[in-house]
């Protein structure tokens, strides 16, 4: 963990499984508090984990998820955690809302991200958060097998998603 903290130039990190859902086994740790016991006592040591820098902006601005179907932006959702948590899922008290209209800053980051994909995915979800140090939106994850698509926020209520699947079956 100390190497990751040095690499990211952070004292707080997020440790989570490479494959997961709803923040299962996701921990916010502090190198200063030596929270490593928290992780080792609560996870399967054979599970592959990843480390991300903790961005405090998630606490007040939240995380933005942008849904793309057949290469086109469908909709975006802001997910904000409960005041006493960092996880944005409703199971932990998080609240989500539609982002309308989608700002150019978000659309630009989506375009750059999708252009970096070796193949155009049928659907994708791009999760982003504002970087505390640069004040620029940054990609946290590019989800290509994501079940949480927030279709109730889609202007077409999921029609574009259904069309994307039907075109590629």
N, C-alpha and C. Protein backbone atom coordinates (compact mmCIF):
# COMPACT_ATOMS: atom_id res chain seq x y z
N UNK A 1 0.80 -1.18 0.00
CA UNK A 1 0.00 0.00 0.00
C UNK A 1 0.86 1.26 0.00
N UNK A 2 1.98 1.20 0.68
CA UNK A 2 2.85 2.37 0.73
C UNK A 2 3.32 2.74 -0.66
N UNK A 3 3.61 1.73 -1.51
CA UNK A 3 4.03 2.01 -2.87
C UNK A 3 2.91 2.70 -3.66
N UNK A 4 1.68 2.26 -3.47
CA UNK A 4 0.54 2.88 -4.16
C UNK A 4 0.35 4.31 -3.67
N UNK A 5 0.47 4.53 -2.38
CA UNK A 5 0.33 5.87 -1.83
C UNK A 5 1.39 6.79 -2.40
N UNK A 6 2.59 6.29 -2.53
CA UNK A 6 3.68 7.09 -3.12
C UNK A 6 3.39 7.35 -4.59
N UNK A 7 2.99 6.31 -5.32
CA UNK A 7 2.70 6.45 -6.75
C UNK A 7 1.62 7.50 -7.01
N UNK A 8 0.55 7.45 -6.24
CA UNK A 8 -0.56 8.38 -6.43
C UNK A 8 -0.35 9.70 -5.68
N UNK A 9 0.70 9.77 -4.86
CA UNK A 9 0.97 10.93 -4.03
C UNK A 9 -0.25 11.25 -3.15
N UNK A 10 -0.76 10.21 -2.49
CA UNK A 10 -1.96 10.30 -1.65
C UNK A 10 -1.73 9.53 -0.35
N UNK A 11 -2.40 9.94 0.69
CA UNK A 11 -2.38 9.17 1.93
C UNK A 11 -3.63 8.33 2.07
N UNK A 12 -4.68 8.66 1.28
CA UNK A 12 -5.91 7.88 1.31
C UNK A 12 -6.12 7.19 -0.04
N UNK A 13 -6.49 5.92 0.04
CA UNK A 13 -6.67 5.09 -1.15
C UNK A 13 -7.99 4.35 -1.06
N UNK A 14 -8.47 3.89 -2.20
CA UNK A 14 -9.62 3.00 -2.26
C UNK A 14 -9.11 1.67 -2.76
N UNK A 15 -9.43 0.61 -2.04
CA UNK A 15 -9.04 -0.74 -2.42
C UNK A 15 -10.32 -1.51 -2.67
N UNK A 16 -10.39 -2.17 -3.84
CA UNK A 16 -11.62 -2.89 -4.19
C UNK A 16 -11.31 -4.02 -5.14
N UNK A 17 -12.22 -4.99 -5.22
CA UNK A 17 -12.01 -6.12 -6.14
C UNK A 17 -12.01 -5.66 -7.59
N UNK A 18 -11.26 -6.37 -8.40
CA UNK A 18 -11.24 -6.09 -9.84
C UNK A 18 -12.62 -6.36 -10.43
N UNK A 19 -13.29 -7.40 -9.96
CA UNK A 19 -14.65 -7.71 -10.38
C UNK A 19 -15.54 -7.64 -9.16
N UNK A 20 -16.52 -6.75 -9.22
CA UNK A 20 -17.39 -6.55 -8.07
C UNK A 20 -18.65 -5.83 -8.51
N UNK A 21 -19.54 -5.62 -7.57
CA UNK A 21 -20.75 -4.84 -7.80
C UNK A 21 -21.19 -4.23 -6.48
N UNK A 22 -21.80 -3.08 -6.55
CA UNK A 22 -22.37 -2.41 -5.38
C UNK A 22 -21.37 -2.21 -4.25
N UNK A 23 -20.15 -1.91 -4.59
CA UNK A 23 -19.09 -1.63 -3.61
C UNK A 23 -18.78 -2.80 -2.68
N UNK A 24 -19.04 -4.01 -3.14
CA UNK A 24 -18.70 -5.20 -2.34
C UNK A 24 -17.20 -5.21 -2.08
N UNK A 25 -16.81 -5.38 -0.84
CA UNK A 25 -15.41 -5.43 -0.43
C UNK A 25 -14.61 -4.21 -0.90
N UNK A 26 -15.24 -3.05 -0.86
CA UNK A 26 -14.56 -1.81 -1.23
C UNK A 26 -14.26 -1.04 0.06
N UNK A 27 -13.01 -0.64 0.19
CA UNK A 27 -12.55 0.01 1.42
C UNK A 27 -11.80 1.30 1.12
N UNK A 28 -12.06 2.29 1.94
CA UNK A 28 -11.28 3.52 1.92
C UNK A 28 -10.27 3.37 3.06
N UNK A 29 -9.01 3.45 2.71
CA UNK A 29 -7.99 3.27 3.74
C UNK A 29 -7.08 4.49 3.81
N UNK A 30 -6.50 4.65 4.96
CA UNK A 30 -5.54 5.72 5.18
C UNK A 30 -4.20 5.11 5.54
N UNK A 31 -3.18 5.49 4.84
CA UNK A 31 -1.83 5.02 5.14
C UNK A 31 -1.43 5.54 6.52
N UNK A 32 -1.86 6.74 6.86
CA UNK A 32 -1.51 7.32 8.15
C UNK A 32 -2.15 6.57 9.32
N UNK A 33 -3.36 6.00 9.10
CA UNK A 33 -4.03 5.24 10.17
C UNK A 33 -3.64 3.77 10.14
N UNK A 34 -2.90 3.35 9.13
CA UNK A 34 -2.52 1.95 8.98
C UNK A 34 -3.74 1.03 8.97
N UNK A 35 -4.63 1.26 8.00
CA UNK A 35 -5.88 0.52 7.89
C UNK A 35 -5.75 -0.85 7.21
N UNK A 36 -4.54 -1.33 7.02
CA UNK A 36 -4.37 -2.59 6.28
C UNK A 36 -5.07 -3.76 6.95
N UNK A 37 -5.14 -3.75 8.27
CA UNK A 37 -5.83 -4.84 8.97
C UNK A 37 -7.30 -4.88 8.59
N UNK A 38 -7.89 -3.74 8.33
CA UNK A 38 -9.29 -3.67 7.91
C UNK A 38 -9.52 -4.51 6.65
N UNK A 39 -8.61 -4.41 5.71
CA UNK A 39 -8.74 -5.15 4.46
C UNK A 39 -8.46 -6.63 4.69
N UNK A 40 -7.33 -6.93 5.29
CA UNK A 40 -6.93 -8.33 5.43
C UNK A 40 -7.91 -9.14 6.27
N UNK A 41 -8.63 -8.49 7.18
CA UNK A 41 -9.61 -9.20 8.01
C UNK A 41 -10.98 -9.35 7.35
N UNK A 42 -11.19 -8.67 6.22
CA UNK A 42 -12.52 -8.64 5.62
C UNK A 42 -12.63 -9.13 4.19
N UNK A 43 -11.55 -9.59 3.60
CA UNK A 43 -11.63 -10.05 2.22
C UNK A 43 -10.98 -11.42 2.04
N UNK A 44 -11.33 -12.05 0.95
CA UNK A 44 -10.70 -13.29 0.53
C UNK A 44 -9.33 -12.93 -0.05
N UNK A 45 -8.29 -13.43 0.54
CA UNK A 45 -6.94 -13.05 0.11
C UNK A 45 -6.60 -13.57 -1.28
N UNK A 46 -7.42 -14.44 -1.85
CA UNK A 46 -7.18 -14.91 -3.21
C UNK A 46 -7.85 -14.02 -4.26
N UNK A 47 -8.66 -13.07 -3.81
CA UNK A 47 -9.36 -12.20 -4.75
C UNK A 47 -8.43 -11.11 -5.26
N UNK A 48 -8.45 -10.89 -6.59
CA UNK A 48 -7.63 -9.83 -7.18
C UNK A 48 -8.24 -8.48 -6.82
N UNK A 49 -7.40 -7.58 -6.35
CA UNK A 49 -7.86 -6.26 -5.91
C UNK A 49 -7.15 -5.19 -6.74
N UNK A 50 -7.76 -4.02 -6.79
CA UNK A 50 -7.11 -2.87 -7.41
C UNK A 50 -7.11 -1.72 -6.42
N UNK A 51 -6.21 -0.79 -6.67
CA UNK A 51 -6.05 0.36 -5.79
C UNK A 51 -6.23 1.62 -6.62
N UNK A 52 -7.04 2.53 -6.09
CA UNK A 52 -7.25 3.82 -6.73
C UNK A 52 -6.98 4.92 -5.71
N UNK A 53 -6.58 6.09 -6.18
CA UNK A 53 -6.46 7.20 -5.22
C UNK A 53 -7.85 7.62 -4.77
N UNK A 54 -8.00 7.95 -3.51
CA UNK A 54 -9.27 8.48 -3.03
C UNK A 54 -9.36 9.94 -3.42
N UNK A 55 -10.46 10.33 -4.04
CA UNK A 55 -10.70 11.71 -4.42
C UNK A 55 -11.77 12.29 -3.50
N UNK A 56 -11.41 13.25 -2.68
CA UNK A 56 -12.37 13.80 -1.72
C UNK A 56 -13.52 14.52 -2.41
N UNK A 57 -13.36 14.88 -3.67
CA UNK A 57 -14.45 15.56 -4.39
C UNK A 57 -15.69 14.68 -4.49
N UNK A 58 -15.51 13.38 -4.37
CA UNK A 58 -16.66 12.49 -4.43
C UNK A 58 -17.63 12.78 -3.28
N UNK A 59 -17.11 13.28 -2.17
CA UNK A 59 -17.95 13.55 -1.00
C UNK A 59 -18.95 14.67 -1.24
N UNK A 60 -18.59 15.67 -2.04
CA UNK A 60 -19.50 16.80 -2.26
C UNK A 60 -20.01 16.89 -3.70
N UNK A 61 -19.21 16.51 -4.66
CA UNK A 61 -19.63 16.60 -6.06
C UNK A 61 -20.16 15.26 -6.58
N UNK A 62 -19.70 14.19 -5.97
CA UNK A 62 -20.14 12.86 -6.37
C UNK A 62 -19.35 12.31 -7.54
N UNK A 63 -19.86 11.22 -8.05
CA UNK A 63 -19.29 10.50 -9.19
C UNK A 63 -20.28 10.62 -10.33
N UNK A 64 -19.78 10.75 -11.54
CA UNK A 64 -20.65 10.85 -12.70
C UNK A 64 -20.48 9.59 -13.54
N UNK A 65 -21.60 8.98 -13.90
CA UNK A 65 -21.59 7.82 -14.80
C UNK A 65 -22.25 8.24 -16.10
N UNK A 66 -21.56 7.97 -17.20
CA UNK A 66 -22.09 8.28 -18.52
C UNK A 66 -22.32 6.96 -19.23
N UNK A 67 -23.53 6.79 -19.79
CA UNK A 67 -23.90 5.56 -20.47
C UNK A 67 -23.85 5.77 -21.98
N UNK A 68 -23.16 4.85 -22.66
CA UNK A 68 -22.96 4.93 -24.09
C UNK A 68 -23.51 3.66 -24.72
N UNK A 69 -24.38 3.80 -25.72
CA UNK A 69 -24.95 2.66 -26.44
C UNK A 69 -24.65 2.84 -27.91
N UNK A 70 -24.01 1.83 -28.51
CA UNK A 70 -23.63 1.88 -29.93
C UNK A 70 -22.83 3.14 -30.25
N UNK A 71 -21.94 3.52 -29.36
CA UNK A 71 -21.06 4.65 -29.60
C UNK A 71 -21.67 6.02 -29.37
N UNK A 72 -22.92 6.08 -28.93
CA UNK A 72 -23.59 7.36 -28.70
C UNK A 72 -23.93 7.53 -27.23
N UNK A 73 -23.70 8.73 -26.73
CA UNK A 73 -24.07 9.03 -25.34
C UNK A 73 -25.58 8.96 -25.21
N UNK A 74 -26.03 8.15 -24.27
CA UNK A 74 -27.46 8.04 -23.99
C UNK A 74 -27.87 9.01 -22.87
N UNK A 75 -27.17 8.90 -21.74
CA UNK A 75 -27.52 9.72 -20.59
C UNK A 75 -26.38 9.70 -19.58
N UNK A 76 -26.47 10.58 -18.61
CA UNK A 76 -25.47 10.66 -17.54
C UNK A 76 -26.18 10.79 -16.20
N UNK A 77 -25.53 10.25 -15.18
CA UNK A 77 -26.10 10.23 -13.83
C UNK A 77 -25.04 10.68 -12.83
N UNK A 78 -25.43 11.55 -11.92
CA UNK A 78 -24.55 11.94 -10.82
C UNK A 78 -24.96 11.11 -9.60
N UNK A 79 -23.97 10.47 -8.98
CA UNK A 79 -24.22 9.67 -7.78
C UNK A 79 -23.42 10.30 -6.64
N UNK A 80 -24.13 10.65 -5.58
CA UNK A 80 -23.50 11.32 -4.45
C UNK A 80 -23.67 10.44 -3.21
N UNK A 81 -22.58 10.22 -2.46
CA UNK A 81 -22.69 9.37 -1.27
C UNK A 81 -23.41 10.05 -0.12
N UNK A 82 -23.86 9.24 0.82
CA UNK A 82 -24.40 9.74 2.08
C UNK A 82 -23.28 10.51 2.76
N UNK A 83 -23.61 11.47 3.57
CA UNK A 83 -22.59 12.35 4.18
C UNK A 83 -21.54 11.60 5.00
N UNK A 84 -21.85 10.42 5.50
CA UNK A 84 -20.90 9.68 6.33
C UNK A 84 -20.20 8.55 5.58
N UNK A 85 -20.27 8.56 4.25
CA UNK A 85 -19.72 7.45 3.48
C UNK A 85 -19.04 7.98 2.22
N UNK A 86 -18.33 7.13 1.52
CA UNK A 86 -17.71 7.50 0.25
C UNK A 86 -18.32 6.69 -0.89
N UNK A 87 -19.07 5.64 -0.55
CA UNK A 87 -19.68 4.79 -1.58
C UNK A 87 -20.98 5.45 -2.05
N UNK A 88 -21.19 5.43 -3.35
CA UNK A 88 -22.32 6.16 -3.93
C UNK A 88 -23.56 5.31 -4.16
N UNK A 89 -23.48 4.05 -3.89
CA UNK A 89 -24.61 3.15 -4.14
C UNK A 89 -25.74 3.42 -3.14
N UNK A 90 -26.97 3.19 -3.61
CA UNK A 90 -28.13 3.44 -2.75
C UNK A 90 -28.13 2.55 -1.52
N UNK A 91 -27.50 1.38 -1.59
CA UNK A 91 -27.42 0.49 -0.44
C UNK A 91 -26.71 1.15 0.75
N UNK A 92 -25.88 2.15 0.45
CA UNK A 92 -25.12 2.85 1.49
C UNK A 92 -25.65 4.27 1.71
N UNK A 93 -26.83 4.56 1.19
CA UNK A 93 -27.43 5.87 1.37
C UNK A 93 -27.13 6.86 0.26
N UNK A 94 -26.46 6.40 -0.81
CA UNK A 94 -26.17 7.28 -1.94
C UNK A 94 -27.43 7.68 -2.69
N UNK A 95 -27.37 8.82 -3.34
CA UNK A 95 -28.50 9.35 -4.09
C UNK A 95 -28.03 9.64 -5.52
N UNK A 96 -28.86 9.28 -6.49
CA UNK A 96 -28.51 9.54 -7.89
C UNK A 96 -29.52 10.47 -8.52
N UNK A 97 -29.05 11.19 -9.55
CA UNK A 97 -29.93 12.10 -10.29
C UNK A 97 -29.39 12.24 -11.71
N UNK A 98 -30.27 12.57 -12.63
CA UNK A 98 -29.88 12.76 -14.02
C UNK A 98 -29.02 14.01 -14.16
N UNK A 99 -28.06 13.96 -15.07
CA UNK A 99 -27.25 15.13 -15.42
C UNK A 99 -27.79 15.62 -16.76
N UNK A 100 -28.51 16.73 -16.73
CA UNK A 100 -29.12 17.28 -17.94
C UNK A 100 -28.97 18.79 -17.95
N UNK A 101 -28.50 19.36 -18.99
CA UNK A 101 -27.86 18.71 -20.13
C UNK A 101 -26.47 18.21 -19.73
N UNK A 102 -25.91 17.34 -20.54
CA UNK A 102 -24.57 16.82 -20.27
C UNK A 102 -23.56 17.87 -20.71
N UNK A 103 -22.73 18.35 -19.78
CA UNK A 103 -21.78 19.43 -20.10
C UNK A 103 -20.72 19.01 -21.12
N UNK A 104 -20.19 19.97 -21.89
CA UNK A 104 -19.14 19.68 -22.88
C UNK A 104 -17.92 19.00 -22.27
N UNK A 105 -17.55 19.36 -21.04
CA UNK A 105 -16.39 18.75 -20.37
C UNK A 105 -16.57 17.23 -20.25
N UNK A 106 -17.78 16.81 -19.92
CA UNK A 106 -18.07 15.38 -19.80
C UNK A 106 -18.08 14.72 -21.17
N UNK A 107 -18.74 15.34 -22.13
CA UNK A 107 -18.80 14.78 -23.49
C UNK A 107 -17.41 14.62 -24.10
N UNK A 108 -16.55 15.58 -23.86
CA UNK A 108 -15.18 15.52 -24.38
C UNK A 108 -14.42 14.35 -23.78
N UNK A 109 -14.55 14.15 -22.48
CA UNK A 109 -13.86 13.03 -21.83
C UNK A 109 -14.40 11.70 -22.32
N UNK A 110 -15.70 11.62 -22.56
CA UNK A 110 -16.30 10.40 -23.12
C UNK A 110 -15.72 10.12 -24.50
N UNK A 111 -15.64 11.14 -25.34
CA UNK A 111 -15.13 10.96 -26.70
C UNK A 111 -13.69 10.45 -26.68
N UNK A 112 -12.85 11.04 -25.85
CA UNK A 112 -11.45 10.61 -25.74
C UNK A 112 -11.37 9.16 -25.26
N UNK A 113 -12.18 8.83 -24.27
CA UNK A 113 -12.17 7.48 -23.71
C UNK A 113 -12.61 6.45 -24.73
N UNK A 114 -13.70 6.72 -25.42
CA UNK A 114 -14.22 5.76 -26.40
C UNK A 114 -13.26 5.61 -27.58
N UNK A 115 -12.57 6.68 -27.95
CA UNK A 115 -11.60 6.62 -29.05
C UNK A 115 -10.41 5.72 -28.68
N UNK A 116 -10.15 5.59 -27.40
CA UNK A 116 -9.03 4.75 -26.95
C UNK A 116 -9.37 3.26 -26.94
N UNK A 117 -10.64 2.92 -27.09
CA UNK A 117 -11.05 1.50 -27.10
C UNK A 117 -10.63 0.86 -28.41
N UNK A 118 -10.01 -0.31 -28.36
CA UNK A 118 -9.59 -0.98 -29.59
C UNK A 118 -10.76 -1.38 -30.49
N UNK A 119 -11.91 -1.65 -29.88
CA UNK A 119 -13.13 -1.94 -30.62
C UNK A 119 -14.26 -1.15 -29.98
N UNK A 120 -15.24 -0.81 -30.79
CA UNK A 120 -16.39 -0.09 -30.27
C UNK A 120 -17.27 -1.05 -29.48
N UNK A 121 -17.44 -0.86 -28.18
CA UNK A 121 -18.30 -1.76 -27.41
C UNK A 121 -19.78 -1.53 -27.74
N UNK A 122 -20.58 -2.54 -27.52
CA UNK A 122 -22.02 -2.41 -27.72
C UNK A 122 -22.56 -1.38 -26.73
N UNK A 123 -22.09 -1.48 -25.49
CA UNK A 123 -22.47 -0.50 -24.49
C UNK A 123 -21.32 -0.34 -23.52
N UNK A 124 -21.31 0.79 -22.87
CA UNK A 124 -20.25 1.06 -21.89
C UNK A 124 -20.80 2.05 -20.86
N UNK A 125 -20.18 2.01 -19.70
CA UNK A 125 -20.45 3.02 -18.69
C UNK A 125 -19.11 3.59 -18.27
N UNK A 126 -18.98 4.89 -18.35
CA UNK A 126 -17.74 5.56 -17.95
C UNK A 126 -18.02 6.28 -16.65
N UNK A 127 -17.27 5.90 -15.61
CA UNK A 127 -17.40 6.54 -14.30
C UNK A 127 -16.26 7.53 -14.14
N UNK A 128 -16.60 8.74 -13.74
CA UNK A 128 -15.59 9.79 -13.60
C UNK A 128 -15.82 10.58 -12.32
N UNK A 129 -14.75 11.20 -11.88
CA UNK A 129 -14.77 12.01 -10.66
C UNK A 129 -13.78 13.16 -10.86
N UNK A 130 -14.02 14.25 -10.19
CA UNK A 130 -13.11 15.39 -10.31
C UNK A 130 -11.83 15.12 -9.51
N UNK A 131 -10.70 15.30 -10.16
CA UNK A 131 -9.40 15.12 -9.52
C UNK A 131 -9.16 16.28 -8.55
N UNK A 132 -8.89 15.96 -7.30
CA UNK A 132 -8.70 16.98 -6.27
C UNK A 132 -7.51 17.89 -6.55
N UNK A 133 -6.50 17.34 -7.19
CA UNK A 133 -5.27 18.12 -7.39
C UNK A 133 -5.33 19.00 -8.64
N UNK A 134 -5.98 18.50 -9.69
CA UNK A 134 -6.00 19.25 -10.95
C UNK A 134 -7.33 19.94 -11.22
N UNK A 135 -8.37 19.57 -10.48
CA UNK A 135 -9.73 20.08 -10.66
C UNK A 135 -10.30 19.70 -12.03
N UNK A 136 -9.79 18.64 -12.62
CA UNK A 136 -10.23 18.17 -13.93
C UNK A 136 -10.95 16.84 -13.74
N UNK A 137 -12.03 16.61 -14.48
CA UNK A 137 -12.69 15.31 -14.42
C UNK A 137 -11.73 14.23 -14.89
N UNK A 138 -11.72 13.12 -14.17
CA UNK A 138 -10.83 12.01 -14.48
C UNK A 138 -11.61 10.71 -14.50
N UNK A 139 -11.20 9.82 -15.36
CA UNK A 139 -11.85 8.51 -15.47
C UNK A 139 -11.46 7.66 -14.27
N UNK A 140 -12.45 7.08 -13.61
CA UNK A 140 -12.20 6.09 -12.57
C UNK A 140 -12.27 4.70 -13.16
N UNK A 141 -13.29 4.48 -13.99
CA UNK A 141 -13.50 3.14 -14.55
C UNK A 141 -14.19 3.25 -15.90
N UNK A 142 -13.84 2.33 -16.77
CA UNK A 142 -14.58 2.12 -18.00
C UNK A 142 -15.20 0.74 -17.87
N UNK A 143 -16.49 0.72 -17.69
CA UNK A 143 -17.23 -0.53 -17.44
C UNK A 143 -17.78 -1.04 -18.77
N UNK A 144 -17.43 -2.27 -19.13
CA UNK A 144 -17.90 -2.85 -20.38
C UNK A 144 -18.83 -4.03 -20.17
N UNK A 145 -19.03 -4.43 -18.93
CA UNK A 145 -19.97 -5.51 -18.61
C UNK A 145 -20.81 -5.09 -17.40
N UNK A 146 -21.21 -3.85 -17.41
CA UNK A 146 -21.87 -3.25 -16.26
C UNK A 146 -23.38 -3.52 -16.25
N UNK A 147 -23.91 -4.07 -15.15
CA UNK A 147 -25.35 -4.26 -15.08
C UNK A 147 -26.11 -3.00 -14.67
N UNK A 148 -25.47 -2.06 -14.00
CA UNK A 148 -26.14 -0.85 -13.53
C UNK A 148 -26.11 0.22 -14.60
N UNK A 149 -27.18 0.30 -15.39
CA UNK A 149 -27.20 1.23 -16.52
C UNK A 149 -28.11 2.44 -16.31
N UNK A 150 -28.79 2.51 -15.17
CA UNK A 150 -29.63 3.66 -14.83
C UNK A 150 -30.60 4.00 -15.96
N UNK A 151 -31.21 2.98 -16.53
CA UNK A 151 -32.10 3.19 -17.67
C UNK A 151 -33.31 4.05 -17.33
N UNK A 152 -33.69 4.12 -16.08
CA UNK A 152 -34.82 4.98 -15.71
C UNK A 152 -34.49 6.46 -15.89
N UNK A 153 -33.20 6.81 -16.04
CA UNK A 153 -32.80 8.19 -16.32
C UNK A 153 -32.62 8.43 -17.82
N UNK A 154 -32.58 7.40 -18.62
CA UNK A 154 -32.39 7.56 -20.07
C UNK A 154 -33.61 8.26 -20.66
N UNK A 155 -33.41 9.26 -21.51
CA UNK A 155 -34.55 9.95 -22.10
C UNK A 155 -35.51 9.00 -22.83
N UNK A 156 -34.94 7.94 -23.42
CA UNK A 156 -35.78 6.98 -24.15
C UNK A 156 -36.12 5.75 -23.32
N UNK A 157 -35.79 5.79 -22.03
CA UNK A 157 -36.08 4.72 -21.06
C UNK A 157 -35.49 3.36 -21.46
N UNK A 158 -34.39 3.37 -22.23
CA UNK A 158 -33.69 2.13 -22.55
C UNK A 158 -33.83 1.65 -23.97
N UNK A 159 -34.55 2.37 -24.81
CA UNK A 159 -34.74 1.94 -26.19
C UNK A 159 -33.40 1.82 -26.93
N UNK A 160 -32.51 2.81 -26.78
CA UNK A 160 -31.21 2.77 -27.46
C UNK A 160 -30.39 1.57 -26.99
N UNK A 161 -30.49 1.23 -25.72
CA UNK A 161 -29.77 0.06 -25.21
C UNK A 161 -30.31 -1.21 -25.86
N UNK A 162 -31.62 -1.35 -25.92
CA UNK A 162 -32.23 -2.53 -26.55
C UNK A 162 -31.82 -2.62 -28.01
N UNK A 163 -31.81 -1.50 -28.71
CA UNK A 163 -31.42 -1.50 -30.12
C UNK A 163 -29.96 -1.92 -30.29
N UNK A 164 -29.10 -1.45 -29.40
CA UNK A 164 -27.68 -1.82 -29.47
C UNK A 164 -27.50 -3.32 -29.32
N UNK A 165 -28.20 -3.91 -28.38
CA UNK A 165 -28.13 -5.35 -28.17
C UNK A 165 -28.68 -6.10 -29.37
N UNK A 166 -29.82 -5.69 -29.88
CA UNK A 166 -30.44 -6.38 -31.02
C UNK A 166 -29.60 -6.30 -32.28
N UNK A 167 -28.89 -5.21 -32.48
CA UNK A 167 -28.04 -5.06 -33.66
C UNK A 167 -26.80 -5.94 -33.62
N UNK A 168 -26.42 -6.39 -32.46
CA UNK A 168 -25.17 -7.15 -32.32
C UNK A 168 -25.38 -8.58 -31.87
N UNK A 169 -26.57 -9.09 -31.98
CA UNK A 169 -26.79 -10.46 -31.52
C UNK A 169 -26.48 -11.47 -32.58
